[in-house]
Amino acid sequence: MFETACEGLSLTPGQLRQALKDDLESCGQLTALGLRLVAETLSAYLPPQNEAVAMLRQHPRVTHAFATDDDSDPDYVIVTLAIRNKATVDLRIARDKYDGLAILEWIEQHTSGDLQ
């Protein structure tokens, strides 16, 4: 239920669970709709989990976003892909195999060019 409530939000089920812990003790029970409303409210005030999610927040009409991190690991480039209301994924690509233009081309082909 927590995973469903957090789907597509920059809020993890654990964060939601912690924020609701005291409320659950006093209320005793929550509906799925109530849980989703609380998750949306908390998500709006928490910083995004990653740069790709932040891009989706900034551009409501964009359905896919990606960000790269080539600083945190000397051997790999981390590519984060976020799909609105679906999922995020981190791809760990060997630095010597990474081609940023090829990845951009692939993402545009598979998202009907709706990246901004």
C-alpha atoms as a PDB file:
ATOM      1  CA  MET A   1       0.000   0.000   0.000  1.00  0.00           C
ATOM      2  CA  PHE A   2       2.879   2.393   0.779  1.00  0.00           C
ATOM      3  CA  GLU A   3       4.554   1.590  -2.543  1.00  0.00           C
ATOM      4  CA  THR A   4       1.324   2.289  -4.428  1.00  0.00           C
ATOM      5  CA  ALA A   5       0.805   5.550  -2.540  1.00  0.00           C
ATOM      6  CA  CYS A   6       4.322   6.724  -3.440  1.00  0.00           C
ATOM      7  CA  GLU A   7       4.213   5.636  -7.085  1.00  0.00           C
ATOM      8  CA  GLY A   8       5.491   8.440  -9.322  1.00  0.00           C
ATOM      9  CA  LEU A   9       6.396  10.682  -6.377  1.00  0.00           C
ATOM     10  CA  SER A  10       9.802  11.727  -5.110  1.00  0.00           C
ATOM     11  CA  LEU A  11       9.040  10.032  -1.807  1.00  0.00           C
ATOM     12  CA  THR A  12      10.044   6.559  -0.740  1.00  0.00           C
ATOM     13  CA  PRO A  13       7.650   4.229   1.052  1.00  0.00           C
ATOM     14  CA  GLY A  14      10.000   4.356   4.056  1.00  0.00           C
ATOM     15  CA  GLN A  15       9.812   8.140   4.226  1.00  0.00           C
ATOM     16  CA  LEU A  16       6.031   8.011   4.053  1.00  0.00           C
ATOM     17  CA  ARG A  17       5.858   5.303   6.711  1.00  0.00           C
ATOM     18  CA  GLN A  18       8.050   7.332   9.074  1.00  0.00           C
ATOM     19  CA  ALA A  19       6.039  10.523   8.534  1.00  0.00           C
ATOM     20  CA  LEU A  20       2.783   8.686   9.262  1.00  0.00           C
ATOM     21  CA  LYS A  21       3.978   6.663  12.236  1.00  0.00           C
ATOM     22  CA  ASP A  22       2.574   9.009  14.912  1.00  0.00           C
ATOM     23  CA  ASP A  23      -0.623   9.646  12.960  1.00  0.00           C
ATOM     24  CA  LEU A  24      -1.291   5.939  12.543  1.00  0.00           C
ATOM     25  CA  GLU A  25      -1.118   5.444  16.283  1.00  0.00           C
ATOM     26  CA  SER A  26      -3.720   8.137  16.917  1.00  0.00           C
ATOM     27  CA  CYS A  27      -6.067   7.339  13.976  1.00  0.00           C
ATOM     28  CA  GLY A  28      -5.766   3.596  13.902  1.00  0.00           C
ATOM     29  CA  GLN A  29      -6.630   3.263  10.219  1.00  0.00           C
ATOM     30  CA  LEU A  30      -6.089   5.015   6.878  1.00  0.00           C
ATOM     31  CA  THR A  31      -7.833   4.664   3.544  1.00  0.00           C
ATOM     32  CA  ALA A  32      -5.864   4.250   0.309  1.00  0.00           C
ATOM     33  CA  LEU A  33      -7.069   7.669  -0.860  1.00  0.00           C
ATOM     34  CA  GLY A  34      -6.040   9.298   2.418  1.00  0.00           C
ATOM     35  CA  LEU A  35      -2.624   7.688   2.226  1.00  0.00           C
ATOM     36  CA  ARG A  36      -2.148   8.908  -1.363  1.00  0.00           C
ATOM     37  CA  LEU A  37      -3.114  12.474  -0.400  1.00  0.00           C
ATOM     38  CA  VAL A  38      -0.588  12.463   2.430  1.00  0.00           C
ATOM     39  CA  ALA A  39       2.079  11.026   0.102  1.00  0.00           C
ATOM     40  CA  GLU A  40       1.434  13.731  -2.521  1.00  0.00           C
ATOM     41  CA  THR A  41       1.613  16.464   0.111  1.00  0.00           C
ATOM     42  CA  LEU A  42       4.867  15.179   1.592  1.00  0.00           C
ATOM     43  CA  SER A  43       6.359  14.608  -1.843  1.00  0.00           C
ATOM     44  CA  ALA A  44       5.715  18.223  -2.818  1.00  0.00           C
ATOM     45  CA  TYR A  45       7.852  19.439   0.090  1.00  0.00           C
ATOM     46  CA  LEU A  46      10.710  16.936   0.031  1.00  0.00           C
ATOM     47  CA  PRO A  47      13.671  17.397  -2.278  1.00  0.00           C
ATOM     48  CA  PRO A  48      13.681  15.054  -5.290  1.00  0.00           C
ATOM     49  CA  GLN A  49      15.616  11.803  -4.954  1.00  0.00           C
ATOM     50  CA  ASN A  50      17.674  12.561  -8.045  1.00  0.00           C
ATOM     51  CA  GLU A  51      18.278  15.075 -10.801  1.00  0.00           C
ATOM     52  CA  ALA A  52      16.082  13.261 -13.337  1.00  0.00           C
ATOM     53  CA  VAL A  53      13.088  13.381 -10.972  1.00  0.00           C
ATOM     54  CA  ALA A  54      13.798  17.077 -10.385  1.00  0.00           C
ATOM     55  CA  MET A  55      13.615  17.634 -14.145  1.00  0.00           C
ATOM     56  CA  LEU A  56      10.198  15.962 -14.286  1.00  0.00           C
ATOM     57  CA  ARG A  57       8.994  18.217 -11.482  1.00  0.00           C
ATOM     58  CA  GLN A  58      10.234  21.333 -13.278  1.00  0.00           C
ATOM     59  CA  HIS A  59       8.686  20.346 -16.604  1.00  0.00           C
ATOM     60  CA  PRO A  60       5.194  18.880 -16.033  1.00  0.00           C
ATOM     61  CA  ARG A  61       4.638  18.041 -19.714  1.00  0.00           C
ATOM     62  CA  VAL A  62       7.826  15.983 -20.039  1.00  0.00           C
ATOM     63  CA  THR A  63       7.290  12.251 -19.520  1.00  0.00           C
ATOM     64  CA  HIS A  64      10.926  11.056 -19.524  1.00  0.00           C
ATOM     65  CA  ALA A  65      14.107  12.633 -18.174  1.00  0.00           C
ATOM     66  CA  PHE A  66      17.661  11.490 -17.675  1.00  0.00           C
ATOM     67  CA  ALA A  67      20.762  12.682 -15.891  1.00  0.00           C
ATOM     68  CA  THR A  68      24.348  11.478 -15.917  1.00  0.00           C
ATOM     69  CA  ASP A  69      26.897  11.286 -13.135  1.00  0.00           C
ATOM     70  CA  ASP A  70      30.455  10.841 -14.316  1.00  0.00           C
ATOM     71  CA  ASP A  71      32.113  12.077 -11.116  1.00  0.00           C
ATOM     72  CA  SER A  72      31.194   9.586  -8.402  1.00  0.00           C
ATOM     73  CA  ASP A  73      32.903   6.490  -9.862  1.00  0.00           C
ATOM     74  CA  PRO A  74      36.198   6.491 -11.773  1.00  0.00           C
ATOM     75  CA  ASP A  75      35.279   3.362 -13.776  1.00  0.00           C
ATOM     76  CA  TYR A  76      31.590   3.928 -14.522  1.00  0.00           C
ATOM     77  CA  VAL A  77      29.142   6.578 -15.656  1.00  0.00           C
ATOM     78  CA  ILE A  78      25.788   6.448 -13.881  1.00  0.00           C
ATOM     79  CA  VAL A  79      22.830   7.300 -16.105  1.00  0.00           C
ATOM     80  CA  THR A  80      19.557   7.884 -14.264  1.00  0.00           C
ATOM     81  CA  LEU A  81      16.385   7.569 -16.311  1.00  0.00           C
ATOM     82  CA  ALA A  82      13.064   8.705 -14.830  1.00  0.00           C
ATOM     83  CA  ILE A  83       9.693   7.961 -16.422  1.00  0.00           C
ATOM     84  CA  ARG A  84       6.849  10.031 -14.999  1.00  0.00           C
ATOM     85  CA  ASN A  85       4.462   8.009 -12.805  1.00  0.00           C
ATOM     86  CA  LYS A  86       6.284   4.782 -13.678  1.00  0.00           C
ATOM     87  CA  ALA A  87       9.827   4.320 -12.430  1.00  0.00           C
ATOM     88  CA  THR A  88      13.399   5.476 -12.147  1.00  0.00           C
ATOM     89  CA  VAL A  89      16.448   3.413 -12.916  1.00  0.00           C
ATOM     90  CA  ASP A  90      20.183   3.894 -12.537  1.00  0.00           C
ATOM     91  CA  LEU A  91      22.312   2.407 -15.287  1.00  0.00           C
ATOM     92  CA  ARG A  92      25.965   1.783 -14.476  1.00  0.00           C
ATOM     93  CA  ILE A  93      27.906   1.912 -17.748  1.00  0.00           C
ATOM     94  CA  ALA A  94      31.630   1.245 -18.043  1.00  0.00           C
ATOM     95  CA  ARG A  95      33.334   4.558 -18.779  1.00  0.00           C
ATOM     96  CA  ASP A  96      35.167   3.173 -21.829  1.00  0.00           C
ATOM     97  CA  LYS A  97      31.840   1.987 -23.330  1.00  0.00           C
ATOM     98  CA  TYR A  98      29.823   5.123 -22.534  1.00  0.00           C
ATOM     99  CA  ASP A  99      28.690   7.266 -25.472  1.00  0.00           C
ATOM    100  CA  GLY A 100      26.458  10.121 -24.325  1.00  0.00           C
ATOM    101  CA  LEU A 101      25.223  10.956 -27.830  1.00  0.00           C
ATOM    102  CA  ALA A 102      24.283   7.331 -28.513  1.00  0.00           C
ATOM    103  CA  ILE A 103      22.328   7.167 -25.246  1.00  0.00           C
ATOM    104  CA  LEU A 104      20.501  10.398 -26.030  1.00  0.00           C
ATOM    105  CA  GLU A 105      19.644   9.069 -29.491  1.00  0.00           C
ATOM    106  CA  TRP A 106      18.374   5.777 -28.036  1.00  0.00           C
ATOM    107  CA  ILE A 107      16.227   7.527 -25.404  1.00  0.00           C
ATOM    108  CA  GLU A 108      14.716   9.862 -28.008  1.00  0.00           C
ATOM    109  CA  GLN A 109      13.879   6.902 -30.270  1.00  0.00           C
ATOM    110  CA  HIS A 110      12.176   5.025 -27.438  1.00  0.00           C
ATOM    111  CA  THR A 111      10.263   7.971 -25.986  1.00  0.00           C
ATOM    112  CA  SER A 112       8.898   9.427 -29.233  1.00  0.00           C
ATOM    113  CA  GLY A 113      11.197  12.426 -28.803  1.00  0.00           C
ATOM    114  CA  ASP A 114       9.297  13.813 -25.795  1.00  0.00           C
ATOM    115  CA  LEU A 115      12.457  14.600 -23.805  1.00  0.00           C
ATOM    116  CA  GLN A 116      13.022  18.268 -23.102  1.00  0.00           C
END
